[in-house]
Amino acid sequence: MDQLEIGFSTVRDTSIDAHMDLKISGQLGKQEKIILDHLIRIGIGQSLKEISRATKIEINAVSGRVNALKHKKILVECEKRKCLVTGRRIIPVKCV
């Protein structure tokens, strides 16, 4: 995946730094941190079911935390694809 260069950092590096600053400042809750860490680690968009399965967080909690992270402009929606868990067409989310 190509990354836009900004000085000595890439957009991905800068984005991860911003997420880490939010975590350190206490502006993210425990489940939000777990979800964010997972999405940063995996590096690709995930469905709510995929996030739930990987993090062991109940789907209703994942939905609420993902919506909160989208409102905070930390997560964005990706191009539609089939969910690896359900096989249904979904709109995955990924880190900015």
PDB file of N, CA and C in Angstrom:
ATOM      1  N   MET A   1       0.857  -1.172   0.000  1.00  0.00           N
ATOM      2  CA  MET A   1       0.000   0.000   0.000  1.00  0.00           C
ATOM      3  C   MET A   1       0.904   1.236   0.000  1.00  0.00           C
ATOM      4  N   ASP A   2       0.676   2.121  -0.976  1.00  0.00           N
ATOM      5  CA  ASP A   2       1.469   3.339  -1.062  1.00  0.00           C
ATOM      6  C   ASP A   2       1.026   4.328   0.004  1.00  0.00           C
ATOM      7  N   GLN A   3       1.998   5.046   0.547  1.00  0.00           N
ATOM      8  CA  GLN A   3       1.713   6.038   1.575  1.00  0.00           C
ATOM      9  C   GLN A   3       2.234   7.383   1.110  1.00  0.00           C
ATOM     10  N   LEU A   4       1.500   8.430   1.355  1.00  0.00           N
ATOM     11  CA  LEU A   4       1.901   9.782   1.025  1.00  0.00           C
ATOM     12  C   LEU A   4       2.979  10.235   1.993  1.00  0.00           C
ATOM     13  N   GLU A   5       4.082  10.738   1.470  1.00  0.00           N
ATOM     14  CA  GLU A   5       5.182  11.208   2.312  1.00  0.00           C
ATOM     15  C   GLU A   5       4.883  12.604   2.859  1.00  0.00           C
ATOM     16  N   ILE A   6       5.070  12.802   4.140  1.00  0.00           N
ATOM     17  CA  ILE A   6       4.944  14.111   4.780  1.00  0.00           C
ATOM     18  C   ILE A   6       6.225  14.305   5.579  1.00  0.00           C
ATOM     19  N   GLY A   7       7.159  15.072   5.019  1.00  0.00           N
ATOM     20  CA  GLY A   7       8.441  15.240   5.704  1.00  0.00           C
ATOM     21  C   GLY A   7       9.118  13.895   5.830  1.00  0.00           C
ATOM     22  N   PHE A   8       9.377  13.477   7.072  1.00  0.00           N
ATOM     23  CA  PHE A   8      10.032  12.203   7.312  1.00  0.00           C
ATOM     24  C   PHE A   8       9.038  11.096   7.673  1.00  0.00           C
ATOM     25  N   SER A   9       7.742  11.426   7.751  1.00  0.00           N
ATOM     26  CA  SER A   9       6.732  10.456   8.140  1.00  0.00           C
ATOM     27  C   SER A   9       5.787  10.181   6.985  1.00  0.00           C
ATOM     28  N   THR A  10       5.114   9.049   7.047  1.00  0.00           N
ATOM     29  CA  THR A  10       4.062   8.759   6.085  1.00  0.00           C
ATOM     30  C   THR A  10       2.731   9.119   6.719  1.00  0.00           C
ATOM     31  N   VAL A  11       1.680   9.189   5.895  1.00  0.00           N
ATOM     32  CA  VAL A  11       0.340   9.461   6.424  1.00  0.00           C
ATOM     33  C   VAL A  11      -0.025   8.392   7.445  1.00  0.00           C
ATOM     34  N   ARG A  12       0.294   7.129   7.151  1.00  0.00           N
ATOM     35  CA  ARG A  12      -0.021   6.048   8.085  1.00  0.00           C
ATOM     36  C   ARG A  12       0.691   6.266   9.421  1.00  0.00           C
ATOM     37  N   ASP A  13       1.974   6.620   9.392  1.00  0.00           N
ATOM     38  CA  ASP A  13       2.705   6.875  10.631  1.00  0.00           C
ATOM     39  C   ASP A  13       2.067   8.006  11.419  1.00  0.00           C
ATOM     40  N   THR A  14       1.712   9.079  10.738  1.00  0.00           N
ATOM     41  CA  THR A  14       1.103  10.233  11.381  1.00  0.00           C
ATOM     42  C   THR A  14      -0.242   9.864  11.979  1.00  0.00           C
ATOM     43  N   SER A  15      -1.032   9.069  11.261  1.00  0.00           N
ATOM     44  CA  SER A  15      -2.331   8.630  11.744  1.00  0.00           C
ATOM     45  C   SER A  15      -2.186   7.785  13.003  1.00  0.00           C
ATOM     46  N   ILE A  16      -1.249   6.861  12.994  1.00  0.00           N
ATOM     47  CA  ILE A  16      -1.019   6.018  14.172  1.00  0.00           C
ATOM     48  C   ILE A  16      -0.564   6.866  15.351  1.00  0.00           C
ATOM     49  N   ASP A  17       0.298   7.846  15.098  1.00  0.00           N
ATOM     50  CA  ASP A  17       0.743   8.748  16.164  1.00  0.00           C
ATOM     51  C   ASP A  17      -0.445   9.487  16.775  1.00  0.00           C
ATOM     52  N   ALA A  18      -1.353   9.961  15.932  1.00  0.00           N
ATOM     53  CA  ALA A  18      -2.537  10.682  16.419  1.00  0.00           C
ATOM     54  C   ALA A  18      -3.407   9.771  17.278  1.00  0.00           C
ATOM     55  N   HIS A  19      -3.576   8.516  16.853  1.00  0.00           N
ATOM     56  CA  HIS A  19      -4.373   7.562  17.630  1.00  0.00           C
ATOM     57  C   HIS A  19      -3.718   7.286  18.978  1.00  0.00           C
ATOM     58  N   MET A  20      -2.399   7.162  18.964  1.00  0.00           N
ATOM     59  CA  MET A  20      -1.677   6.916  20.210  1.00  0.00           C
ATOM     60  C   MET A  20      -1.833   8.100  21.163  1.00  0.00           C
ATOM     61  N   ASP A  21      -1.805   9.314  20.629  1.00  0.00           N
ATOM     62  CA  ASP A  21      -2.008  10.505  21.460  1.00  0.00           C
ATOM     63  C   ASP A  21      -3.388  10.481  22.118  1.00  0.00           C
ATOM     64  N   LEU A  22      -4.419  10.072  21.359  1.00  0.00           N
ATOM     65  CA  LEU A  22      -5.768   9.979  21.917  1.00  0.00           C
ATOM     66  C   LEU A  22      -5.828   8.936  23.022  1.00  0.00           C
ATOM     67  N   LYS A  23      -5.185   7.799  22.797  1.00  0.00           N
ATOM     68  CA  LYS A  23      -5.182   6.741  23.811  1.00  0.00           C
ATOM     69  C   LYS A  23      -4.508   7.218  25.089  1.00  0.00           C
ATOM     70  N   ILE A  24      -3.359   7.849  24.945  1.00  0.00           N
ATOM     71  CA  ILE A  24      -2.600   8.323  26.105  1.00  0.00           C
ATOM     72  C   ILE A  24      -3.372   9.393  26.862  1.00  0.00           C
ATOM     73  N   SER A  25      -4.089  10.255  26.127  1.00  0.00           N
ATOM     74  CA  SER A  25      -4.814  11.354  26.765  1.00  0.00           C
ATOM     75  C   SER A  25      -6.061  10.880  27.515  1.00  0.00           C
ATOM     76  N   GLY A  26      -6.450   9.621  27.319  1.00  0.00           N
ATOM     77  CA  GLY A  26      -7.621   9.093  28.008  1.00  0.00           C
ATOM     78  C   GLY A  26      -8.933   9.415  27.326  1.00  0.00           C
ATOM     79  N   GLN A  27      -8.883   9.911  26.094  1.00  0.00           N
ATOM     80  CA  GLN A  27     -10.099  10.256  25.365  1.00  0.00           C
ATOM     81  C   GLN A  27     -10.773   9.039  24.733  1.00  0.00           C
ATOM     82  N   LEU A  28     -10.123   7.889  24.775  1.00  0.00           N
ATOM     83  CA  LEU A  28     -10.716   6.665  24.253  1.00  0.00           C
ATOM     84  C   LEU A  28     -10.979   5.706  25.403  1.00  0.00           C
ATOM     85  N   GLY A  29     -12.134   5.023  25.335  1.00  0.00           N
ATOM     86  CA  GLY A  29     -12.457   4.023  26.338  1.00  0.00           C
ATOM     87  C   GLY A  29     -11.728   2.717  26.065  1.00  0.00           C
ATOM     88  N   LYS A  30     -11.833   1.784  26.988  1.00  0.00           N
ATOM     89  CA  LYS A  30     -11.115   0.506  26.896  1.00  0.00           C
ATOM     90  C   LYS A  30     -11.482  -0.267  25.629  1.00  0.00           C
ATOM     91  N   GLN A  31     -12.776  -0.404  25.349  1.00  0.00           N
ATOM     92  CA  GLN A  31     -13.190  -1.149  24.165  1.00  0.00           C
ATOM     93  C   GLN A  31     -12.791  -0.415  22.884  1.00  0.00           C
ATOM     94  N   GLU A  32     -12.868   0.922  22.893  1.00  0.00           N
ATOM     95  CA  GLU A  32     -12.428   1.690  21.723  1.00  0.00           C
ATOM     96  C   GLU A  32     -10.941   1.449  21.465  1.00  0.00           C
ATOM     97  N   LYS A  33     -10.140   1.401  22.522  1.00  0.00           N
ATOM     98  CA  LYS A  33      -8.702   1.149  22.389  1.00  0.00           C
ATOM     99  C   LYS A  33      -8.451  -0.230  21.796  1.00  0.00           C
ATOM    100  N   ILE A  34      -9.186  -1.234  22.272  1.00  0.00           N
ATOM    101  CA  ILE A  34      -9.020  -2.604  21.774  1.00  0.00           C
ATOM    102  C   ILE A  34      -9.352  -2.665  20.286  1.00  0.00           C
ATOM    103  N   ILE A  35     -10.474  -2.051  19.897  1.00  0.00           N
ATOM    104  CA  ILE A  35     -10.900  -2.047  18.493  1.00  0.00           C
ATOM    105  C   ILE A  35      -9.882  -1.304  17.638  1.00  0.00           C
ATOM    106  N   LEU A  36      -9.463  -0.149  18.096  1.00  0.00           N
ATOM    107  CA  LEU A  36      -8.495   0.654  17.356  1.00  0.00           C
ATOM    108  C   LEU A  36      -7.165  -0.087  17.216  1.00  0.00           C
ATOM    109  N   ASP A  37      -6.685  -0.690  18.283  1.00  0.00           N
ATOM    110  CA  ASP A  37      -5.441  -1.463  18.223  1.00  0.00           C
ATOM    111  C   ASP A  37      -5.558  -2.590  17.197  1.00  0.00           C
ATOM    112  N   HIS A  38      -6.695  -3.269  17.195  1.00  0.00           N
ATOM    113  CA  HIS A  38      -6.918  -4.365  16.243  1.00  0.00           C
ATOM    114  C   HIS A  38      -6.869  -3.848  14.803  1.00  0.00           C
ATOM    115  N   LEU A  39      -7.587  -2.761  14.535  1.00  0.00           N
ATOM    116  CA  LEU A  39      -7.637  -2.241  13.161  1.00  0.00           C
ATOM    117  C   LEU A  39      -6.277  -1.705  12.707  1.00  0.00           C
ATOM    118  N   ILE A  40      -5.524  -1.112  13.612  1.00  0.00           N
ATOM    119  CA  ILE A  40      -4.173  -0.646  13.264  1.00  0.00           C
ATOM    120  C   ILE A  40      -3.289  -1.845  12.951  1.00  0.00           C
ATOM    121  N   ARG A  41      -3.388  -2.879  13.783  1.00  0.00           N
ATOM    122  CA  ARG A  41      -2.554  -4.068  13.607  1.00  0.00           C
ATOM    123  C   ARG A  41      -2.879  -4.796  12.304  1.00  0.00           C
ATOM    124  N   ILE A  42      -4.167  -4.942  11.996  1.00  0.00           N
ATOM    125  CA  ILE A  42      -4.570  -5.708  10.814  1.00  0.00           C
ATOM    126  C   ILE A  42      -4.364  -4.896   9.526  1.00  0.00           C
ATOM    127  N   GLY A  43      -4.531  -3.584   9.593  1.00  0.00           N
ATOM    128  CA  GLY A  43      -4.208  -2.716   8.466  1.00  0.00           C
ATOM    129  C   GLY A  43      -5.186  -2.690   7.313  1.00  0.00           C
ATOM    130  N   ILE A  44      -6.308  -3.387   7.426  1.00  0.00           N
ATOM    131  CA  ILE A  44      -7.324  -3.366   6.371  1.00  0.00           C
ATOM    132  C   ILE A  44      -8.699  -3.151   6.999  1.00  0.00           C
ATOM    133  N   GLY A  45      -9.674  -2.771   6.179  1.00  0.00           N
ATOM    134  CA  GLY A  45     -11.027  -2.568   6.663  1.00  0.00           C
ATOM    135  C   GLY A  45     -11.638  -3.868   7.162  1.00  0.00           C
ATOM    136  N   GLN A  46     -12.458  -3.756   8.193  1.00  0.00           N
ATOM    137  CA  GLN A  46     -13.097  -4.918   8.804  1.00  0.00           C
ATOM    138  C   GLN A  46     -14.582  -4.657   9.015  1.00  0.00           C
ATOM    139  N   SER A  47     -15.377  -5.715   8.947  1.00  0.00           N
ATOM    140  CA  SER A  47     -16.802  -5.619   9.281  1.00  0.00           C
ATOM    141  C   SER A  47     -16.945  -5.644  10.796  1.00  0.00           C
ATOM    142  N   LEU A  48     -18.119  -5.266  11.271  1.00  0.00           N
ATOM    143  CA  LEU A  48     -18.369  -5.311  12.711  1.00  0.00           C
ATOM    144  C   LEU A  48     -18.241  -6.740  13.237  1.00  0.00           C
ATOM    145  N   LYS A  49     -18.745  -7.704  12.467  1.00  0.00           N
ATOM    146  CA  LYS A  49     -18.654  -9.112  12.875  1.00  0.00           C
ATOM    147  C   LYS A  49     -17.199  -9.578  12.921  1.00  0.00           C
ATOM    148  N   GLU A  50     -16.397  -9.145  11.943  1.00  0.00           N
ATOM    149  CA  GLU A  50     -14.983  -9.521  11.936  1.00  0.00           C
ATOM    150  C   GLU A  50     -14.261  -8.919  13.137  1.00  0.00           C
ATOM    151  N   ILE A  51     -14.578  -7.667  13.449  1.00  0.00           N
ATOM    152  CA  ILE A  51     -13.988  -7.008  14.617  1.00  0.00           C
ATOM    153  C   ILE A  51     -14.417  -7.725  15.894  1.00  0.00           C
ATOM    154  N   SER A  52     -15.700  -8.048  15.983  1.00  0.00           N
ATOM    155  CA  SER A  52     -16.230  -8.734  17.162  1.00  0.00           C
ATOM    156  C   SER A  52     -15.538 -10.076  17.366  1.00  0.00           C
ATOM    157  N   ARG A  53     -15.395 -10.827  16.306  1.00  0.00           N
ATOM    158  CA  ARG A  53     -14.764 -12.144  16.398  1.00  0.00           C
ATOM    159  C   ARG A  53     -13.295 -12.016  16.826  1.00  0.00           C
ATOM    160  N   ALA A  54     -12.584 -11.072  16.232  1.00  0.00           N
ATOM    161  CA  ALA A  54     -11.149 -10.921  16.512  1.00  0.00           C
ATOM    162  C   ALA A  54     -10.869 -10.384  17.910  1.00  0.00           C
ATOM    163  N   THR A  55     -11.738  -9.495  18.397  1.00  0.00           N
ATOM    164  CA  THR A  55     -11.491  -8.837  19.684  1.00  0.00           C
ATOM    165  C   THR A  55     -12.227  -9.488  20.851  1.00  0.00           C
ATOM    166  N   LYS A  56     -13.158 -10.375  20.539  1.00  0.00           N
ATOM    167  CA  LYS A  56     -13.983 -11.038  21.570  1.00  0.00           C
ATOM    168  C   LYS A  56     -14.894 -10.040  22.302  1.00  0.00           C
ATOM    169  N   ILE A  57     -15.244  -8.951  21.627  1.00  0.00           N
ATOM    170  CA  ILE A  57     -16.188  -7.966  22.164  1.00  0.00           C
ATOM    171  C   ILE A  57     -17.540  -8.236  21.510  1.00  0.00           C
ATOM    172  N   GLU A  58     -18.614  -8.235  22.307  1.00  0.00           N
ATOM    173  CA  GLU A  58     -19.957  -8.497  21.782  1.00  0.00           C
ATOM    174  C   GLU A  58     -20.293  -7.523  20.651  1.00  0.00           C
ATOM    175  N   ILE A  59     -21.053  -8.012  19.667  1.00  0.00           N
ATOM    176  CA  ILE A  59     -21.361  -7.238  18.471  1.00  0.00           C
ATOM    177  C   ILE A  59     -22.073  -5.919  18.789  1.00  0.00           C
ATOM    178  N   ASN A  60     -22.969  -5.915  19.769  1.00  0.00           N
ATOM    179  CA  ASN A  60     -23.679  -4.663  20.092  1.00  0.00           C
ATOM    180  C   ASN A  60     -22.712  -3.620  20.656  1.00  0.00           C
ATOM    181  N   ALA A  61     -21.718  -4.059  21.407  1.00  0.00           N
ATOM    182  CA  ALA A  61     -20.707  -3.136  21.932  1.00  0.00           C
ATOM    183  C   ALA A  61     -19.793  -2.655  20.813  1.00  0.00           C
ATOM    184  N   VAL A  62     -19.421  -3.554  19.898  1.00  0.00           N
ATOM    185  CA  VAL A  62     -18.587  -3.167  18.751  1.00  0.00           C
ATOM    186  C   VAL A  62     -19.301  -2.093  17.933  1.00  0.00           C
ATOM    187  N   SER A  63     -20.574  -2.295  17.687  1.00  0.00           N
ATOM    188  CA  SER A  63     -21.349  -1.332  16.898  1.00  0.00           C
ATOM    189  C   SER A  63     -21.321   0.060  17.533  1.00  0.00           C
ATOM    190  N   GLY A  64     -21.553   0.126  18.828  1.00  0.00           N
ATOM    191  CA  GLY A  64     -21.541   1.412  19.524  1.00  0.00           C
ATOM    192  C   GLY A  64     -20.171   2.060  19.533  1.00  0.00           C
ATOM    193  N   ARG A  65     -19.131   1.253  19.786  1.00  0.00           N
ATOM    194  CA  ARG A  65     -17.772   1.810  19.819  1.00  0.00           C
ATOM    195  C   ARG A  65     -17.315   2.263  18.437  1.00  0.00           C
ATOM    196  N   VAL A  66     -17.654   1.492  17.399  1.00  0.00           N
ATOM    197  CA  VAL A  66     -17.277   1.877  16.028  1.00  0.00           C
ATOM    198  C   VAL A  66     -17.985   3.171  15.640  1.00  0.00           C
ATOM    199  N   ASN A  67     -19.254   3.307  15.982  1.00  0.00           N
ATOM    200  CA  ASN A  67     -19.972   4.557  15.679  1.00  0.00           C
ATOM    201  C   ASN A  67     -19.321   5.738  16.389  1.00  0.00           C
ATOM    202  N   ALA A  68     -18.924   5.548  17.632  1.00  0.00           N
ATOM    203  CA  ALA A  68     -18.261   6.624  18.379  1.00  0.00           C
ATOM    204  C   ALA A  68     -16.931   6.993  17.721  1.00  0.00           C
ATOM    205  N   LEU A  69     -16.166   5.991  17.296  1.00  0.00           N
ATOM    206  CA  LEU A  69     -14.878   6.250  16.641  1.00  0.00           C
ATOM    207  C   LEU A  69     -15.071   6.916  15.277  1.00  0.00           C
ATOM    208  N   LYS A  70     -16.165   6.586  14.590  1.00  0.00           N
ATOM    209  CA  LYS A  70     -16.463   7.263  13.314  1.00  0.00           C
ATOM    210  C   LYS A  70     -16.814   8.729  13.573  1.00  0.00           C
ATOM    211  N   HIS A  71     -17.573   9.008  14.616  1.00  0.00           N
ATOM    212  CA  HIS A  71     -17.928  10.397  14.966  1.00  0.00           C
ATOM    213  C   HIS A  71     -16.699  11.205  15.358  1.00  0.00           C
ATOM    214  N   LYS A  72     -15.727  10.540  15.974  1.00  0.00           N
ATOM    215  CA  LYS A  72     -14.476  11.209  16.364  1.00  0.00           C
ATOM    216  C   LYS A  72     -13.514  11.347  15.177  1.00  0.00           C
ATOM    217  N   LYS A  73     -13.957  10.866  13.995  1.00  0.00           N
ATOM    218  CA  LYS A  73     -13.151  10.934  12.759  1.00  0.00           C
ATOM    219  C   LYS A  73     -11.877  10.087  12.852  1.00  0.00           C
ATOM    220  N   ILE A  74     -11.935   9.007  13.631  1.00  0.00           N
ATOM    221  CA  ILE A  74     -10.803   8.095  13.780  1.00  0.00           C
ATOM    222  C   ILE A  74     -10.951   6.922  12.813  1.00  0.00           C
ATOM    223  N   LEU A  75     -12.200   6.501  12.577  1.00  0.00           N
ATOM    224  CA  LEU A  75     -12.479   5.431  11.624  1.00  0.00           C
ATOM    225  C   LEU A  75     -13.292   5.979  10.455  1.00  0.00           C
ATOM    226  N   VAL A  76     -13.095   5.390   9.297  1.00  0.00           N
ATOM    227  CA  VAL A  76     -13.865   5.740   8.101  1.00  0.00           C
ATOM    228  C   VAL A  76     -14.365   4.457   7.447  1.00  0.00           C
ATOM    229  N   GLU A  77     -15.403   4.603   6.649  1.00  0.00           N
ATOM    230  CA  GLU A  77     -15.941   3.465   5.920  1.00  0.00           C
ATOM    231  C   GLU A  77     -15.113   3.209   4.672  1.00  0.00           C
ATOM    232  N   CYS A  78     -15.053   1.940   4.278  1.00  0.00           N
ATOM    233  CA  CYS A  78     -14.296   1.513   3.097  1.00  0.00           C
ATOM    234  C   CYS A  78     -15.271   1.072   2.002  1.00  0.00           C
ATOM    235  N   GLU A  79     -14.690   0.627   0.915  1.00  0.00           N
ATOM    236  CA  GLU A  79     -15.477   0.106  -0.199  1.00  0.00           C
ATOM    237  C   GLU A  79     -16.190  -1.179   0.222  1.00  0.00           C
ATOM    238  N   LYS A  80     -17.414  -1.363  -0.253  1.00  0.00           N
ATOM    239  CA  LYS A  80     -18.189  -2.555   0.089  1.00  0.00           C
ATOM    240  C   LYS A  80     -17.481  -3.825  -0.367  1.00  0.00           C
ATOM    241  N   ARG A  81     -17.684  -4.883   0.418  1.00  0.00           N
ATOM    242  CA  ARG A  81     -17.150  -6.204   0.091  1.00  0.00           C
ATOM    243  C   ARG A  81     -17.930  -7.247   0.879  1.00  0.00           C
ATOM    244  N   LYS A  82     -17.617  -8.515   0.647  1.00  0.00           N
ATOM    245  CA  LYS A  82     -18.258  -9.596   1.397  1.00  0.00           C
ATOM    246  C   LYS A  82     -17.588  -9.749   2.751  1.00  0.00           C
ATOM    247  N   CYS A  83     -18.409  -9.925   3.783  1.00  0.00           N
ATOM    248  CA  CYS A  83     -17.908 -10.180   5.138  1.00  0.00           C
ATOM    249  C   CYS A  83     -17.331 -11.595   5.190  1.00  0.00           C
ATOM    250  N   LEU A  84     -16.172 -11.736   5.801  1.00  0.00           N
ATOM    251  CA  LEU A  84     -15.538 -13.045   5.924  1.00  0.00           C
ATOM    252  C   LEU A  84     -16.234 -13.939   6.949  1.00  0.00           C
ATOM    253  N   VAL A  85     -17.073 -13.344   7.802  1.00  0.00           N
ATOM    254  CA  VAL A  85     -17.795 -14.113   8.818  1.00  0.00           C
ATOM    255  C   VAL A  85     -19.161 -14.534   8.306  1.00  0.00           C
ATOM    256  N   THR A  86     -19.927 -13.577   7.758  1.00  0.00           N
ATOM    257  CA  THR A  86     -21.310 -13.857   7.359  1.00  0.00           C
ATOM    258  C   THR A  86     -21.493 -14.129   5.875  1.00  0.00           C
ATOM    259  N   GLY A  87     -20.558 -13.688   5.055  1.00  0.00           N
ATOM    260  CA  GLY A  87     -20.697 -13.825   3.607  1.00  0.00           C
ATOM    261  C   GLY A  87     -21.590 -12.767   2.988  1.00  0.00           C
ATOM    262  N   ARG A  88     -22.141 -11.882   3.814  1.00  0.00           N
ATOM    263  CA  ARG A  88     -23.004 -10.811   3.312  1.00  0.00           C
ATOM    264  C   ARG A  88     -22.170  -9.625   2.851  1.00  0.00           C
ATOM    265  N   ARG A  89     -22.776  -8.819   1.999  1.00  0.00           N
ATOM    266  CA  ARG A  89     -22.121  -7.603   1.517  1.00  0.00           C
ATOM    267  C   ARG A  89     -22.169  -6.550   2.623  1.00  0.00           C
ATOM    268  N   ILE A  90     -21.019  -5.992   2.980  1.00  0.00           N
ATOM    269  CA  ILE A  90     -20.918  -5.050   4.098  1.00  0.00           C
ATOM    270  C   ILE A  90     -20.088  -3.838   3.714  1.00  0.00           C
ATOM    271  N   ILE A  91     -20.128  -2.823   4.578  1.00  0.00           N
ATOM    272  CA  ILE A  91     -19.272  -1.663   4.435  1.00  0.00           C
ATOM    273  C   ILE A  91     -18.289  -1.714   5.605  1.00  0.00           C
ATOM    274  N   PRO A  92     -17.047  -2.149   5.343  1.00  0.00           N
ATOM    275  CA  PRO A  92     -16.077  -2.257   6.427  1.00  0.00           C
ATOM    276  C   PRO A  92     -15.584  -0.890   6.885  1.00  0.00           C
ATOM    277  N   VAL A  93     -14.920  -0.871   8.029  1.00  0.00           N
ATOM    278  CA  VAL A  93     -14.318   0.359   8.558  1.00  0.00           C
ATOM    279  C   VAL A  93     -12.818   0.151   8.733  1.00  0.00           C
ATOM    280  N   LYS A  94     -12.077   1.251   8.658  1.00  0.00           N
ATOM    281  CA  LYS A  94     -10.634   1.201   8.864  1.00  0.00           C
ATOM    282  C   LYS A  94     -10.201   2.493   9.531  1.00  0.00           C
ATOM    283  N   CYS A  95      -8.968   2.519  10.007  1.00  0.00           N
ATOM    284  CA  CYS A  95      -8.396   3.731  10.601  1.00  0.00           C
ATOM    285  C   CYS A  95      -8.167   4.760   9.503  1.00  0.00           C
ATOM    286  N   VAL A  96      -8.286   6.020   9.898  1.00  0.00           N
ATOM    287  CA  VAL A  96      -8.056   7.124   8.960  1.00  0.00           C
ATOM    288  C   VAL A  96      -6.636   7.068   8.455  1.00  0.00           C
TER     289      VAL A  96
END
